[in-house]
Amino acid sequence: MNGHQATRADDLRLLEMLHLRDVEQWTAGQIPTRFGMTRSAVLGQMFRVDKVEPLDCLCRRKANRDGGMKPRWWRGQA
């Protein structure tokens, strides 16, 4: 590890990459060209996200549960 502290820009980039993969069905070969990254860098980030075990949802409102938010919710638009 290089000790890089993730920034908001890093978070937004990762959210967009996940959106492209999971919603738009982009491949690991297409995503890197959008962000100027290598395919290996994208695959590494996806691997680290995917290996995290999801926690049980404690949300009371259905809209806050997994799948309850619109695509690109972090942008404040649909």
N, C-alpha and C. Protein backbone atom coordinates (compact mmCIF):
# COMPACT_ATOMS: atom_id res chain seq x y z
N MET A 1 0.85 -1.19 0.00
CA MET A 1 0.00 0.00 0.00
C MET A 1 0.89 1.24 0.00
N ASN A 2 0.45 2.22 -0.70
CA ASN A 2 1.22 3.45 -0.74
C ASN A 2 0.72 4.49 0.25
N GLY A 3 -0.31 4.16 1.01
CA GLY A 3 -0.83 5.08 2.00
C GLY A 3 -1.69 6.18 1.43
N HIS A 4 -2.15 6.02 0.21
CA HIS A 4 -3.00 7.04 -0.43
C HIS A 4 -4.32 7.14 0.31
N GLN A 5 -4.66 8.34 0.73
CA GLN A 5 -5.95 8.60 1.38
C GLN A 5 -6.97 8.93 0.30
N ALA A 6 -8.04 8.14 0.22
CA ALA A 6 -9.06 8.36 -0.82
C ALA A 6 -9.71 9.72 -0.65
N THR A 7 -9.89 10.40 -1.77
CA THR A 7 -10.54 11.71 -1.78
C THR A 7 -11.97 11.56 -2.28
N ARG A 8 -12.72 12.63 -2.21
CA ARG A 8 -14.09 12.61 -2.75
C ARG A 8 -14.06 12.32 -4.25
N ALA A 9 -13.07 12.87 -4.94
CA ALA A 9 -12.95 12.62 -6.39
C ALA A 9 -12.71 11.13 -6.65
N ASP A 10 -11.90 10.49 -5.81
CA ASP A 10 -11.68 9.04 -5.94
C ASP A 10 -12.98 8.28 -5.74
N ASP A 11 -13.75 8.68 -4.74
CA ASP A 11 -15.04 8.02 -4.46
C ASP A 11 -16.00 8.18 -5.64
N LEU A 12 -16.08 9.38 -6.18
CA LEU A 12 -16.98 9.64 -7.31
C LEU A 12 -16.56 8.85 -8.55
N ARG A 13 -15.26 8.76 -8.77
CA ARG A 13 -14.76 7.97 -9.91
C ARG A 13 -15.13 6.50 -9.74
N LEU A 14 -14.96 5.96 -8.54
CA LEU A 14 -15.29 4.56 -8.29
C LEU A 14 -16.79 4.32 -8.44
N LEU A 15 -17.61 5.22 -7.94
CA LEU A 15 -19.06 5.08 -8.10
C LEU A 15 -19.45 5.08 -9.58
N GLU A 16 -18.81 5.95 -10.36
CA GLU A 16 -19.11 5.99 -11.79
C GLU A 16 -18.65 4.70 -12.48
N MET A 17 -17.49 4.19 -12.10
CA MET A 17 -17.01 2.93 -12.68
C MET A 17 -17.97 1.79 -12.35
N LEU A 18 -18.45 1.73 -11.11
CA LEU A 18 -19.40 0.69 -10.73
C LEU A 18 -20.71 0.83 -11.50
N HIS A 19 -21.14 2.06 -11.70
CA HIS A 19 -22.36 2.30 -12.48
C HIS A 19 -22.18 1.79 -13.91
N LEU A 20 -21.06 2.13 -14.51
CA LEU A 20 -20.82 1.69 -15.89
C LEU A 20 -20.78 0.17 -15.99
N ARG A 21 -20.18 -0.48 -15.01
CA ARG A 21 -20.10 -1.94 -15.02
C ARG A 21 -21.45 -2.59 -14.75
N ASP A 22 -22.12 -2.15 -13.68
CA ASP A 22 -23.32 -2.84 -13.21
C ASP A 22 -24.61 -2.42 -13.90
N VAL A 23 -24.71 -1.17 -14.33
CA VAL A 23 -25.95 -0.68 -14.94
C VAL A 23 -25.82 -0.59 -16.46
N GLU A 24 -24.73 0.02 -16.92
CA GLU A 24 -24.54 0.21 -18.37
C GLU A 24 -23.93 -1.01 -19.05
N GLN A 25 -23.47 -1.98 -18.25
CA GLN A 25 -22.88 -3.23 -18.76
C GLN A 25 -21.61 -3.02 -19.58
N TRP A 26 -20.80 -2.04 -19.19
CA TRP A 26 -19.51 -1.83 -19.85
C TRP A 26 -18.56 -2.94 -19.41
N THR A 27 -17.59 -3.25 -20.26
CA THR A 27 -16.61 -4.28 -19.95
C THR A 27 -15.39 -3.65 -19.27
N ALA A 28 -14.55 -4.52 -18.73
CA ALA A 28 -13.31 -4.05 -18.09
C ALA A 28 -12.35 -3.48 -19.13
N GLY A 29 -12.59 -3.73 -20.39
CA GLY A 29 -11.79 -3.13 -21.44
C GLY A 29 -12.26 -1.75 -21.84
N GLN A 30 -13.54 -1.46 -21.62
CA GLN A 30 -14.10 -0.16 -21.99
C GLN A 30 -13.94 0.89 -20.89
N ILE A 31 -14.08 0.48 -19.65
CA ILE A 31 -14.06 1.43 -18.52
C ILE A 31 -12.74 2.20 -18.42
N PRO A 32 -11.58 1.56 -18.56
CA PRO A 32 -10.32 2.31 -18.40
C PRO A 32 -10.16 3.47 -19.38
N THR A 33 -10.67 3.33 -20.58
CA THR A 33 -10.51 4.42 -21.55
C THR A 33 -11.26 5.67 -21.12
N ARG A 34 -12.34 5.50 -20.40
CA ARG A 34 -13.13 6.64 -19.92
C ARG A 34 -12.38 7.44 -18.86
N PHE A 35 -11.55 6.76 -18.06
CA PHE A 35 -10.90 7.40 -16.92
C PHE A 35 -9.39 7.54 -17.06
N GLY A 36 -8.84 7.13 -18.19
CA GLY A 36 -7.40 7.23 -18.39
C GLY A 36 -6.62 6.33 -17.45
N MET A 37 -7.17 5.16 -17.17
CA MET A 37 -6.53 4.20 -16.26
C MET A 37 -6.18 2.95 -17.05
N THR A 38 -5.36 2.10 -16.46
CA THR A 38 -5.09 0.82 -17.08
C THR A 38 -6.21 -0.16 -16.73
N ARG A 39 -6.34 -1.19 -17.52
CA ARG A 39 -7.34 -2.22 -17.26
C ARG A 39 -7.06 -2.88 -15.91
N SER A 40 -5.79 -3.10 -15.61
CA SER A 40 -5.42 -3.73 -14.33
C SER A 40 -5.82 -2.87 -13.14
N ALA A 41 -5.68 -1.56 -13.26
CA ALA A 41 -6.07 -0.67 -12.16
C ALA A 41 -7.57 -0.74 -11.92
N VAL A 42 -8.34 -0.76 -13.00
CA VAL A 42 -9.80 -0.86 -12.87
C VAL A 42 -10.18 -2.20 -12.26
N LEU A 43 -9.59 -3.28 -12.76
CA LEU A 43 -9.89 -4.61 -12.22
C LEU A 43 -9.52 -4.71 -10.74
N GLY A 44 -8.41 -4.09 -10.35
CA GLY A 44 -8.01 -4.10 -8.94
C GLY A 44 -9.02 -3.40 -8.05
N GLN A 45 -9.52 -2.26 -8.50
CA GLN A 45 -10.52 -1.55 -7.70
C GLN A 45 -11.82 -2.34 -7.62
N MET A 46 -12.24 -2.93 -8.74
CA MET A 46 -13.46 -3.73 -8.74
C MET A 46 -13.32 -4.94 -7.83
N PHE A 47 -12.14 -5.57 -7.85
CA PHE A 47 -11.90 -6.73 -7.00
C PHE A 47 -12.02 -6.35 -5.53
N ARG A 48 -11.42 -5.23 -5.15
CA ARG A 48 -11.47 -4.82 -3.74
C ARG A 48 -12.89 -4.48 -3.30
N VAL A 49 -13.69 -3.91 -4.19
CA VAL A 49 -15.09 -3.60 -3.86
C VAL A 49 -15.89 -4.89 -3.74
N ASP A 50 -15.69 -5.80 -4.69
CA ASP A 50 -16.48 -7.03 -4.73
C ASP A 50 -16.17 -7.99 -3.59
N LYS A 51 -14.94 -7.94 -3.06
CA LYS A 51 -14.59 -8.91 -2.02
C LYS A 51 -15.12 -8.52 -0.63
N VAL A 52 -15.60 -7.30 -0.47
CA VAL A 52 -16.14 -6.86 0.81
C VAL A 52 -17.49 -7.53 1.04
N GLU A 53 -17.65 -8.16 2.19
CA GLU A 53 -18.91 -8.82 2.52
C GLU A 53 -19.96 -7.76 2.88
N PRO A 54 -21.12 -7.82 2.24
CA PRO A 54 -22.17 -6.85 2.58
C PRO A 54 -22.71 -7.08 3.99
N LEU A 55 -23.06 -6.01 4.65
CA LEU A 55 -23.64 -6.09 5.98
C LEU A 55 -25.15 -6.15 5.86
N ASP A 56 -25.80 -6.69 6.86
CA ASP A 56 -27.26 -6.68 6.88
C ASP A 56 -27.74 -5.23 6.91
N CYS A 57 -28.75 -4.95 6.12
CA CYS A 57 -29.29 -3.60 6.03
C CYS A 57 -30.15 -3.31 7.26
N LEU A 58 -29.85 -2.24 7.95
CA LEU A 58 -30.61 -1.82 9.12
C LEU A 58 -31.52 -0.64 8.80
N CYS A 59 -31.63 -0.31 7.52
CA CYS A 59 -32.44 0.83 7.09
C CYS A 59 -33.92 0.57 7.36
N ARG A 60 -34.59 1.58 7.85
CA ARG A 60 -36.02 1.46 8.10
C ARG A 60 -36.83 1.80 6.86
N ARG A 61 -36.36 2.77 6.09
CA ARG A 61 -37.07 3.19 4.88
C ARG A 61 -36.63 2.32 3.70
N LYS A 62 -37.61 1.81 2.96
CA LYS A 62 -37.32 0.96 1.81
C LYS A 62 -36.44 1.68 0.78
N ALA A 63 -36.65 2.98 0.62
CA ALA A 63 -35.89 3.75 -0.36
C ALA A 63 -34.39 3.77 -0.05
N ASN A 64 -34.01 3.51 1.19
CA ASN A 64 -32.61 3.54 1.59
C ASN A 64 -31.94 2.17 1.50
N ARG A 65 -32.69 1.14 1.19
CA ARG A 65 -32.14 -0.21 1.11
C ARG A 65 -31.46 -0.42 -0.24
N ASP A 66 -30.70 -1.51 -0.33
CA ASP A 66 -30.03 -1.84 -1.59
C ASP A 66 -31.04 -1.89 -2.72
N GLY A 67 -30.71 -1.24 -3.80
CA GLY A 67 -31.59 -1.20 -4.96
C GLY A 67 -32.68 -0.15 -4.87
N GLY A 68 -32.72 0.59 -3.78
CA GLY A 68 -33.77 1.58 -3.59
C GLY A 68 -33.45 2.95 -4.14
N MET A 69 -32.20 3.15 -4.53
CA MET A 69 -31.80 4.47 -5.03
C MET A 69 -31.69 4.44 -6.55
N LYS A 70 -31.93 5.56 -7.16
CA LYS A 70 -31.87 5.67 -8.62
C LYS A 70 -30.41 5.61 -9.08
N PRO A 71 -30.21 5.20 -10.35
CA PRO A 71 -28.85 5.23 -10.89
C PRO A 71 -28.26 6.64 -10.78
N ARG A 72 -26.99 6.67 -10.50
CA ARG A 72 -26.24 7.93 -10.37
C ARG A 72 -26.81 8.84 -9.28
N TRP A 73 -27.26 8.26 -8.20
CA TRP A 73 -27.82 9.02 -7.07
C TRP A 73 -26.80 10.01 -6.52
N TRP A 74 -25.51 9.70 -6.61
CA TRP A 74 -24.48 10.57 -6.04
C TRP A 74 -24.36 11.88 -6.81
N ARG A 75 -24.90 11.94 -8.01
CA ARG A 75 -24.87 13.17 -8.80
C ARG A 75 -26.06 14.06 -8.51
N GLY A 76 -27.06 13.52 -7.83
CA GLY A 76 -28.26 14.29 -7.56
C GLY A 76 -29.20 14.34 -8.75
N GLN A 77 -29.02 13.40 -9.67
CA GLN A 77 -29.89 13.33 -10.85
C GLN A 77 -30.06 11.88 -11.26
N ALA A 78 -31.03 11.59 -12.08
CA ALA A 78 -31.27 10.22 -12.55
C ALA A 78 -30.60 9.99 -13.88
